[in-house]
Amino acid sequence: MKAAVAGAPYISEVARENLETALDWLRARRYARAYAPFYNGLEAALESVARSRGIIDRQNNFLARKGEAKKVDDLLPELVGDARYRRYLRAWIFGAVGNPFRHGDLESAEDCQRQSLRLAIAVIGWLEIFCGWTASEFRTALESQARPLEDSPDDQAA
């Protein structure tokens, strides 16, 4: 994954470094340290793709319609054509499950592990969908580790 991130188009050097740092922390099993750079890198990567595809401008204004993308979730309908990946991002990464991680309101190390693994899956999806990466045998192992204790509340909504 690190090699794929290193060669990925669209992302800035800062976003690339965030994703590489997150992968290093994941490898070291330092999950509480991994999730924040995953979020920083993934959000920036998705926004970069949206800019390169002419969905938003540098100020996050939509180009084909009125309005501004105030959060990454606003981009998903126009950016992510794969309904399963879009639902995954909304249910596990940017929705109610992900909000405590995005805002630093956490207490459980076990939750950090689960979310870091979910974020790694989201990065794999980004690499596959937007960067043409195909070497993702790792996805099956990550998905089995990221299984929730209970259904996500966003799952039903998505």
N, C-alpha and C. Protein backbone atom coordinates (compact mmCIF):
# COMPACT_ATOMS: atom_id res chain seq x y z
N MET A 1 0.83 -1.20 0.00
CA MET A 1 0.00 0.00 0.00
C MET A 1 0.86 1.26 0.00
N LYS A 2 1.97 1.22 0.76
CA LYS A 2 2.81 2.42 0.80
C LYS A 2 3.38 2.73 -0.57
N ALA A 3 3.76 1.72 -1.32
CA ALA A 3 4.28 1.95 -2.66
C ALA A 3 3.20 2.52 -3.56
N ALA A 4 1.98 2.02 -3.42
CA ALA A 4 0.87 2.54 -4.22
C ALA A 4 0.58 3.99 -3.86
N VAL A 5 0.60 4.32 -2.58
CA VAL A 5 0.37 5.70 -2.15
C VAL A 5 1.51 6.59 -2.65
N ALA A 6 2.73 6.09 -2.58
CA ALA A 6 3.89 6.89 -3.02
C ALA A 6 3.78 7.27 -4.50
N GLY A 7 3.19 6.39 -5.30
CA GLY A 7 3.08 6.66 -6.73
C GLY A 7 1.71 7.14 -7.17
N ALA A 8 0.82 7.39 -6.23
CA ALA A 8 -0.55 7.76 -6.58
C ALA A 8 -0.62 9.17 -7.16
N PRO A 9 -1.46 9.34 -8.18
CA PRO A 9 -1.69 10.69 -8.71
C PRO A 9 -2.63 11.45 -7.80
N TYR A 10 -2.85 12.69 -8.12
CA TYR A 10 -3.86 13.55 -7.49
C TYR A 10 -3.44 14.16 -6.16
N ILE A 11 -2.73 13.46 -5.30
CA ILE A 11 -2.57 13.95 -3.94
C ILE A 11 -1.31 14.81 -3.77
N SER A 12 -1.41 15.71 -2.83
CA SER A 12 -0.28 16.58 -2.50
C SER A 12 0.76 15.80 -1.71
N GLU A 13 1.92 16.37 -1.58
CA GLU A 13 2.97 15.73 -0.79
C GLU A 13 2.56 15.62 0.68
N VAL A 14 1.82 16.60 1.18
CA VAL A 14 1.37 16.56 2.57
C VAL A 14 0.38 15.41 2.76
N ALA A 15 -0.59 15.28 1.86
CA ALA A 15 -1.56 14.18 1.96
C ALA A 15 -0.86 12.83 1.83
N ARG A 16 0.09 12.75 0.92
CA ARG A 16 0.86 11.52 0.72
C ARG A 16 1.61 11.16 2.01
N GLU A 17 2.24 12.15 2.62
CA GLU A 17 2.98 11.90 3.86
C GLU A 17 2.03 11.47 4.98
N ASN A 18 0.84 12.08 5.04
CA ASN A 18 -0.14 11.66 6.05
C ASN A 18 -0.53 10.21 5.85
N LEU A 19 -0.81 9.80 4.63
CA LEU A 19 -1.19 8.41 4.38
C LEU A 19 -0.03 7.45 4.67
N GLU A 20 1.17 7.83 4.28
CA GLU A 20 2.32 6.97 4.57
C GLU A 20 2.56 6.86 6.08
N THR A 21 2.39 7.96 6.81
CA THR A 21 2.53 7.94 8.27
C THR A 21 1.48 7.04 8.89
N ALA A 22 0.24 7.16 8.42
CA ALA A 22 -0.85 6.32 8.94
C ALA A 22 -0.54 4.84 8.70
N LEU A 23 -0.03 4.52 7.53
CA LEU A 23 0.32 3.12 7.24
C LEU A 23 1.46 2.63 8.13
N ASP A 24 2.43 3.50 8.40
CA ASP A 24 3.52 3.13 9.32
C ASP A 24 2.97 2.85 10.72
N TRP A 25 2.07 3.71 11.20
CA TRP A 25 1.48 3.51 12.53
C TRP A 25 0.61 2.25 12.54
N LEU A 26 -0.08 1.99 11.46
CA LEU A 26 -0.89 0.79 11.37
C LEU A 26 -0.01 -0.46 11.45
N ARG A 27 1.06 -0.44 10.70
CA ARG A 27 2.00 -1.57 10.72
C ARG A 27 2.56 -1.79 12.12
N ALA A 28 2.81 -0.71 12.85
CA ALA A 28 3.35 -0.80 14.21
C ALA A 28 2.25 -1.08 15.24
N ARG A 29 1.01 -1.22 14.78
CA ARG A 29 -0.14 -1.47 15.65
C ARG A 29 -0.38 -0.34 16.66
N ARG A 30 -0.09 0.87 16.22
CA ARG A 30 -0.32 2.08 17.02
C ARG A 30 -1.57 2.76 16.45
N TYR A 31 -2.68 2.14 16.71
CA TYR A 31 -3.95 2.53 16.08
C TYR A 31 -4.43 3.92 16.50
N ALA A 32 -4.21 4.29 17.74
CA ALA A 32 -4.63 5.62 18.19
C ALA A 32 -3.85 6.71 17.47
N ARG A 33 -2.66 6.39 17.01
CA ARG A 33 -1.88 7.36 16.24
C ARG A 33 -2.19 7.31 14.76
N ALA A 34 -2.69 6.18 14.28
CA ALA A 34 -2.90 5.98 12.84
C ALA A 34 -4.13 6.68 12.29
N TYR A 35 -5.21 6.75 13.08
CA TYR A 35 -6.46 7.20 12.48
C TYR A 35 -6.44 8.67 12.04
N ALA A 36 -5.80 9.56 12.79
CA ALA A 36 -5.80 10.98 12.41
C ALA A 36 -5.09 11.24 11.08
N PRO A 37 -3.88 10.72 10.86
CA PRO A 37 -3.28 10.95 9.54
C PRO A 37 -4.03 10.23 8.41
N PHE A 38 -4.70 9.12 8.72
CA PHE A 38 -5.55 8.50 7.70
C PHE A 38 -6.63 9.48 7.26
N TYR A 39 -7.32 10.08 8.24
CA TYR A 39 -8.38 11.04 7.90
C TYR A 39 -7.82 12.21 7.11
N ASN A 40 -6.73 12.81 7.59
CA ASN A 40 -6.16 13.96 6.90
C ASN A 40 -5.78 13.62 5.47
N GLY A 41 -5.14 12.49 5.27
CA GLY A 41 -4.71 12.09 3.94
C GLY A 41 -5.86 11.72 3.02
N LEU A 42 -6.82 10.95 3.55
CA LEU A 42 -7.93 10.49 2.72
C LEU A 42 -8.84 11.65 2.30
N GLU A 43 -9.18 12.53 3.23
CA GLU A 43 -10.02 13.68 2.88
C GLU A 43 -9.35 14.53 1.81
N ALA A 44 -8.07 14.79 1.98
CA ALA A 44 -7.34 15.59 0.99
C ALA A 44 -7.27 14.86 -0.35
N ALA A 45 -7.09 13.55 -0.32
CA ALA A 45 -7.01 12.77 -1.56
C ALA A 45 -8.35 12.83 -2.32
N LEU A 46 -9.45 12.68 -1.61
CA LEU A 46 -10.76 12.74 -2.26
C LEU A 46 -11.02 14.14 -2.83
N GLU A 47 -10.67 15.17 -2.08
CA GLU A 47 -10.85 16.54 -2.58
C GLU A 47 -9.97 16.80 -3.80
N SER A 48 -8.76 16.27 -3.80
CA SER A 48 -7.87 16.45 -4.96
C SER A 48 -8.43 15.81 -6.21
N VAL A 49 -9.01 14.62 -6.06
CA VAL A 49 -9.63 13.96 -7.21
C VAL A 49 -10.81 14.81 -7.70
N ALA A 50 -11.61 15.33 -6.78
CA ALA A 50 -12.75 16.16 -7.17
C ALA A 50 -12.29 17.40 -7.93
N ARG A 51 -11.20 17.99 -7.51
CA ARG A 51 -10.67 19.16 -8.23
C ARG A 51 -10.17 18.76 -9.62
N SER A 52 -9.44 17.66 -9.69
CA SER A 52 -8.88 17.24 -10.97
C SER A 52 -9.96 16.82 -11.96
N ARG A 53 -11.10 16.40 -11.46
CA ARG A 53 -12.22 15.99 -12.33
C ARG A 53 -13.20 17.13 -12.59
N GLY A 54 -12.88 18.32 -12.13
CA GLY A 54 -13.72 19.48 -12.39
C GLY A 54 -15.04 19.49 -11.63
N ILE A 55 -15.05 18.86 -10.46
CA ILE A 55 -16.26 18.86 -9.63
C ILE A 55 -16.29 20.11 -8.74
N ILE A 56 -15.12 20.47 -8.20
CA ILE A 56 -15.00 21.67 -7.37
C ILE A 56 -13.77 22.46 -7.80
N ASP A 57 -13.76 23.73 -7.41
CA ASP A 57 -12.58 24.56 -7.66
C ASP A 57 -11.70 24.60 -6.40
N ARG A 58 -10.68 25.42 -6.40
CA ARG A 58 -9.73 25.50 -5.27
C ARG A 58 -10.40 26.00 -3.98
N GLN A 59 -11.51 26.70 -4.11
CA GLN A 59 -12.24 27.20 -2.94
C GLN A 59 -13.39 26.26 -2.54
N ASN A 60 -13.42 25.08 -3.16
CA ASN A 60 -14.44 24.05 -2.90
C ASN A 60 -15.84 24.42 -3.39
N ASN A 61 -15.92 25.37 -4.31
CA ASN A 61 -17.20 25.69 -4.94
C ASN A 61 -17.46 24.66 -6.05
N PHE A 62 -18.70 24.17 -6.12
CA PHE A 62 -19.05 23.26 -7.20
C PHE A 62 -19.00 23.99 -8.52
N LEU A 63 -18.51 23.33 -9.55
CA LEU A 63 -18.40 23.96 -10.85
C LEU A 63 -19.63 23.75 -11.72
N ALA A 64 -20.33 22.64 -11.56
CA ALA A 64 -21.48 22.34 -12.41
C ALA A 64 -22.81 22.72 -11.78
N ARG A 65 -22.76 23.18 -10.56
CA ARG A 65 -23.99 23.59 -9.88
C ARG A 65 -23.63 24.62 -8.82
N LYS A 66 -24.64 25.24 -8.26
CA LYS A 66 -24.39 26.24 -7.21
C LYS A 66 -24.06 25.54 -5.91
N GLY A 67 -23.31 26.24 -5.09
CA GLY A 67 -23.02 25.73 -3.76
C GLY A 67 -21.55 25.41 -3.55
N GLU A 68 -21.28 25.07 -2.31
CA GLU A 68 -19.91 24.79 -1.89
C GLU A 68 -19.89 23.43 -1.19
N ALA A 69 -18.80 22.70 -1.40
CA ALA A 69 -18.58 21.45 -0.68
C ALA A 69 -18.00 21.82 0.68
N LYS A 70 -18.83 21.79 1.71
CA LYS A 70 -18.38 22.18 3.05
C LYS A 70 -17.70 21.04 3.77
N LYS A 71 -17.97 19.81 3.32
CA LYS A 71 -17.35 18.63 3.89
C LYS A 71 -17.20 17.60 2.78
N VAL A 72 -16.37 16.63 3.03
CA VAL A 72 -16.09 15.61 2.00
C VAL A 72 -17.36 14.88 1.60
N ASP A 73 -18.24 14.64 2.55
CA ASP A 73 -19.48 13.93 2.25
C ASP A 73 -20.28 14.64 1.16
N ASP A 74 -20.17 15.95 1.06
CA ASP A 74 -20.88 16.70 0.02
C ASP A 74 -20.40 16.32 -1.39
N LEU A 75 -19.17 15.85 -1.50
CA LEU A 75 -18.59 15.49 -2.79
C LEU A 75 -18.99 14.10 -3.26
N LEU A 76 -19.32 13.23 -2.33
CA LEU A 76 -19.47 11.81 -2.64
C LEU A 76 -20.47 11.49 -3.74
N PRO A 77 -21.64 12.13 -3.79
CA PRO A 77 -22.58 11.77 -4.87
C PRO A 77 -22.02 12.00 -6.27
N GLU A 78 -21.26 13.06 -6.45
CA GLU A 78 -20.71 13.37 -7.77
C GLU A 78 -19.35 12.72 -8.01
N LEU A 79 -18.65 12.40 -6.95
CA LEU A 79 -17.29 11.89 -7.08
C LEU A 79 -17.22 10.37 -7.15
N VAL A 80 -17.98 9.70 -6.31
CA VAL A 80 -17.86 8.25 -6.16
C VAL A 80 -19.04 7.57 -6.86
N GLY A 81 -18.75 6.95 -8.00
CA GLY A 81 -19.78 6.25 -8.74
C GLY A 81 -20.12 4.88 -8.18
N ASP A 82 -19.18 4.26 -7.50
CA ASP A 82 -19.40 2.92 -6.93
C ASP A 82 -20.26 3.06 -5.67
N ALA A 83 -21.50 2.60 -5.74
CA ALA A 83 -22.45 2.77 -4.64
C ALA A 83 -21.98 2.09 -3.36
N ARG A 84 -21.32 0.95 -3.47
CA ARG A 84 -20.85 0.25 -2.27
C ARG A 84 -19.76 1.05 -1.56
N TYR A 85 -18.83 1.59 -2.33
CA TYR A 85 -17.76 2.38 -1.73
C TYR A 85 -18.32 3.67 -1.12
N ARG A 86 -19.23 4.31 -1.82
CA ARG A 86 -19.86 5.52 -1.29
C ARG A 86 -20.60 5.21 0.02
N ARG A 87 -21.32 4.12 0.07
CA ARG A 87 -22.05 3.72 1.28
C ARG A 87 -21.06 3.41 2.41
N TYR A 88 -19.95 2.74 2.07
CA TYR A 88 -18.92 2.44 3.06
C TYR A 88 -18.36 3.72 3.66
N LEU A 89 -18.02 4.68 2.81
CA LEU A 89 -17.47 5.95 3.30
C LEU A 89 -18.46 6.67 4.19
N ARG A 90 -19.72 6.68 3.78
CA ARG A 90 -20.73 7.38 4.58
C ARG A 90 -21.03 6.66 5.89
N ALA A 91 -21.10 5.34 5.87
CA ALA A 91 -21.48 4.59 7.07
C ALA A 91 -20.34 4.49 8.08
N TRP A 92 -19.12 4.27 7.61
CA TRP A 92 -18.02 3.95 8.53
C TRP A 92 -16.96 5.04 8.67
N ILE A 93 -16.81 5.90 7.69
CA ILE A 93 -15.68 6.84 7.71
C ILE A 93 -16.14 8.26 8.03
N PHE A 94 -17.12 8.76 7.30
CA PHE A 94 -17.51 10.17 7.46
C PHE A 94 -18.84 10.37 8.18
N GLY A 95 -19.57 9.31 8.47
CA GLY A 95 -20.86 9.43 9.13
C GLY A 95 -20.73 9.42 10.65
N ALA A 96 -21.80 9.02 11.30
CA ALA A 96 -21.85 9.03 12.77
C ALA A 96 -20.76 8.17 13.41
N VAL A 97 -20.41 7.07 12.78
CA VAL A 97 -19.35 6.21 13.33
C VAL A 97 -18.01 6.94 13.28
N GLY A 98 -17.74 7.66 12.22
CA GLY A 98 -16.46 8.34 12.06
C GLY A 98 -16.34 9.67 12.79
N ASN A 99 -17.46 10.31 13.09
CA ASN A 99 -17.41 11.65 13.69
C ASN A 99 -16.60 11.74 14.98
N PRO A 100 -16.72 10.81 15.92
CA PRO A 100 -15.90 10.93 17.13
C PRO A 100 -14.39 10.91 16.82
N PHE A 101 -14.01 10.16 15.80
CA PHE A 101 -12.59 10.09 15.42
C PHE A 101 -12.16 11.39 14.74
N ARG A 102 -13.01 11.91 13.89
CA ARG A 102 -12.68 13.14 13.19
C ARG A 102 -12.59 14.32 14.14
N HIS A 103 -13.30 14.24 15.28
CA HIS A 103 -13.32 15.34 16.23
C HIS A 103 -12.55 15.03 17.51
N GLY A 104 -11.90 13.88 17.59
CA GLY A 104 -11.05 13.55 18.73
C GLY A 104 -11.79 13.22 20.01
N ASP A 105 -13.04 12.79 19.92
CA ASP A 105 -13.85 12.49 21.10
C ASP A 105 -13.88 10.98 21.35
N LEU A 106 -12.75 10.42 21.78
CA LEU A 106 -12.58 8.97 21.92
C LEU A 106 -12.04 8.59 23.28
N GLU A 107 -12.33 7.36 23.65
CA GLU A 107 -11.77 6.84 24.90
C GLU A 107 -11.22 5.43 24.73
N SER A 108 -11.71 4.66 23.78
CA SER A 108 -11.41 3.24 23.68
C SER A 108 -10.31 2.94 22.65
N ALA A 109 -9.25 2.28 23.10
CA ALA A 109 -8.18 1.86 22.19
C ALA A 109 -8.71 0.85 21.18
N GLU A 110 -9.65 0.02 21.59
CA GLU A 110 -10.24 -0.97 20.68
C GLU A 110 -10.97 -0.27 19.54
N ASP A 111 -11.66 0.82 19.85
CA ASP A 111 -12.34 1.58 18.80
C ASP A 111 -11.33 2.18 17.82
N CYS A 112 -10.19 2.62 18.32
CA CYS A 112 -9.15 3.17 17.45
C CYS A 112 -8.62 2.11 16.49
N GLN A 113 -8.46 0.90 16.99
CA GLN A 113 -8.00 -0.18 16.12
C GLN A 113 -9.01 -0.43 15.00
N ARG A 114 -10.25 -0.58 15.38
CA ARG A 114 -11.30 -0.85 14.39
C ARG A 114 -11.37 0.26 13.35
N GLN A 115 -11.32 1.52 13.80
CA GLN A 115 -11.45 2.64 12.86
C GLN A 115 -10.22 2.77 11.98
N SER A 116 -9.05 2.53 12.52
CA SER A 116 -7.83 2.59 11.70
C SER A 116 -7.88 1.55 10.59
N LEU A 117 -8.38 0.37 10.90
CA LEU A 117 -8.51 -0.67 9.88
C LEU A 117 -9.57 -0.30 8.85
N ARG A 118 -10.66 0.28 9.30
CA ARG A 118 -11.68 0.76 8.35
C ARG A 118 -11.11 1.83 7.42
N LEU A 119 -10.32 2.71 7.98
CA LEU A 119 -9.70 3.77 7.16
C LEU A 119 -8.73 3.18 6.15
N ALA A 120 -7.99 2.17 6.54
CA ALA A 120 -7.08 1.51 5.60
C ALA A 120 -7.88 0.92 4.43
N ILE A 121 -9.03 0.33 4.73
CA ILE A 121 -9.90 -0.19 3.67
C ILE A 121 -10.36 0.95 2.76
N ALA A 122 -10.71 2.07 3.35
CA ALA A 122 -11.15 3.23 2.56
C ALA A 122 -10.03 3.71 1.64
N VAL A 123 -8.80 3.70 2.12
CA VAL A 123 -7.66 4.09 1.28
C VAL A 123 -7.47 3.08 0.15
N ILE A 124 -7.64 1.80 0.45
CA ILE A 124 -7.55 0.78 -0.60
C ILE A 124 -8.60 1.07 -1.67
N GLY A 125 -9.82 1.38 -1.24
CA GLY A 125 -10.86 1.72 -2.21
C GLY A 125 -10.48 2.92 -3.05
N TRP A 126 -9.92 3.95 -2.42
CA TRP A 126 -9.48 5.13 -3.16
C TRP A 126 -8.40 4.76 -4.18
N LEU A 127 -7.43 3.93 -3.75
CA LEU A 127 -6.37 3.51 -4.67
C LEU A 127 -6.93 2.71 -5.85
N GLU A 128 -7.89 1.84 -5.57
CA GLU A 128 -8.47 1.02 -6.64
C GLU A 128 -9.33 1.86 -7.59
N ILE A 129 -10.21 2.67 -7.05
CA ILE A 129 -11.18 3.39 -7.87
C ILE A 129 -10.55 4.56 -8.63
N PHE A 130 -9.70 5.32 -7.97
CA PHE A 130 -9.17 6.53 -8.59
C PHE A 130 -7.75 6.41 -9.11
N CYS A 131 -7.03 5.39 -8.67
CA CYS A 131 -5.62 5.28 -9.07
C CYS A 131 -5.32 4.01 -9.85
N GLY A 132 -6.32 3.15 -10.04
CA GLY A 132 -6.12 1.94 -10.83
C GLY A 132 -5.32 0.85 -10.15
N TRP A 133 -5.22 0.91 -8.83
CA TRP A 133 -4.44 -0.10 -8.09
C TRP A 133 -5.22 -1.40 -8.05
N THR A 134 -4.54 -2.54 -8.26
CA THR A 134 -5.23 -3.82 -8.29
C THR A 134 -4.67 -4.85 -7.31
N ALA A 135 -3.61 -4.54 -6.61
CA ALA A 135 -2.96 -5.52 -5.72
C ALA A 135 -3.49 -5.41 -4.31
N SER A 136 -4.78 -5.70 -4.11
CA SER A 136 -5.37 -5.46 -2.79
C SER A 136 -5.82 -6.73 -2.08
N GLU A 137 -5.00 -7.76 -2.04
CA GLU A 137 -5.32 -8.96 -1.28
C GLU A 137 -5.52 -8.62 0.19
N PHE A 138 -4.92 -7.53 0.61
CA PHE A 138 -4.96 -7.09 1.99
C PHE A 138 -6.38 -6.75 2.44
N ARG A 139 -7.25 -6.40 1.49
CA ARG A 139 -8.59 -5.94 1.81
C ARG A 139 -9.38 -6.98 2.62
N THR A 140 -9.30 -8.25 2.24
CA THR A 140 -10.07 -9.28 2.94
C THR A 140 -9.67 -9.36 4.40
N ALA A 141 -8.38 -9.32 4.68
CA ALA A 141 -7.92 -9.37 6.07
C ALA A 141 -8.37 -8.14 6.84
N LEU A 142 -8.30 -6.98 6.24
CA LEU A 142 -8.72 -5.77 6.92
C LEU A 142 -10.21 -5.76 7.18
N GLU A 143 -11.00 -6.19 6.21
CA GLU A 143 -12.44 -6.20 6.39
C GLU A 143 -12.86 -7.11 7.54
N SER A 144 -12.16 -8.24 7.70
CA SER A 144 -12.52 -9.14 8.79
C SER A 144 -12.18 -8.52 10.14
N GLN A 145 -11.16 -7.68 10.21
CA GLN A 145 -10.79 -7.02 11.46
C GLN A 145 -11.65 -5.82 11.78
N ALA A 146 -12.28 -5.23 10.77
CA ALA A 146 -13.05 -4.01 10.97
C ALA A 146 -14.53 -4.28 11.19
N ARG A 147 -14.90 -5.54 11.34
CA ARG A 147 -16.31 -5.88 11.56
C ARG A 147 -16.83 -5.20 12.82
N PRO A 148 -18.00 -4.59 12.76
CA PRO A 148 -18.51 -3.86 13.93
C PRO A 148 -19.07 -4.80 14.98
N LEU A 149 -19.14 -4.28 16.19
CA LEU A 149 -19.79 -5.02 17.27
C LEU A 149 -21.29 -5.03 17.06
N GLU A 150 -21.80 -3.97 16.48
CA GLU A 150 -23.22 -3.87 16.14
C GLU A 150 -23.33 -3.10 14.86
N ASP A 151 -24.46 -3.16 14.21
CA ASP A 151 -24.65 -2.46 12.95
C ASP A 151 -24.48 -0.97 13.14
N SER A 152 -23.87 -0.35 12.15
CA SER A 152 -23.71 1.10 12.16
C SER A 152 -25.07 1.76 11.99
N PRO A 153 -25.35 2.81 12.75
CA PRO A 153 -26.61 3.51 12.56
C PRO A 153 -26.72 4.14 11.18
N ASP A 154 -25.59 4.48 10.59
CA ASP A 154 -25.60 5.07 9.25
C ASP A 154 -25.83 4.03 8.18
N ASP A 155 -25.62 2.75 8.52
CA ASP A 155 -25.78 1.67 7.56
C ASP A 155 -27.20 1.64 7.02
N GLN A 156 -28.18 1.77 7.89
CA GLN A 156 -29.55 1.73 7.44
C GLN A 156 -29.89 2.96 6.62
N ALA A 157 -29.31 4.10 6.97
CA ALA A 157 -29.61 5.34 6.27
C ALA A 157 -28.96 5.37 4.88
N ALA A 158 -27.83 4.70 4.73
CA ALA A 158 -27.10 4.75 3.47
C ALA A 158 -27.64 3.83 2.46
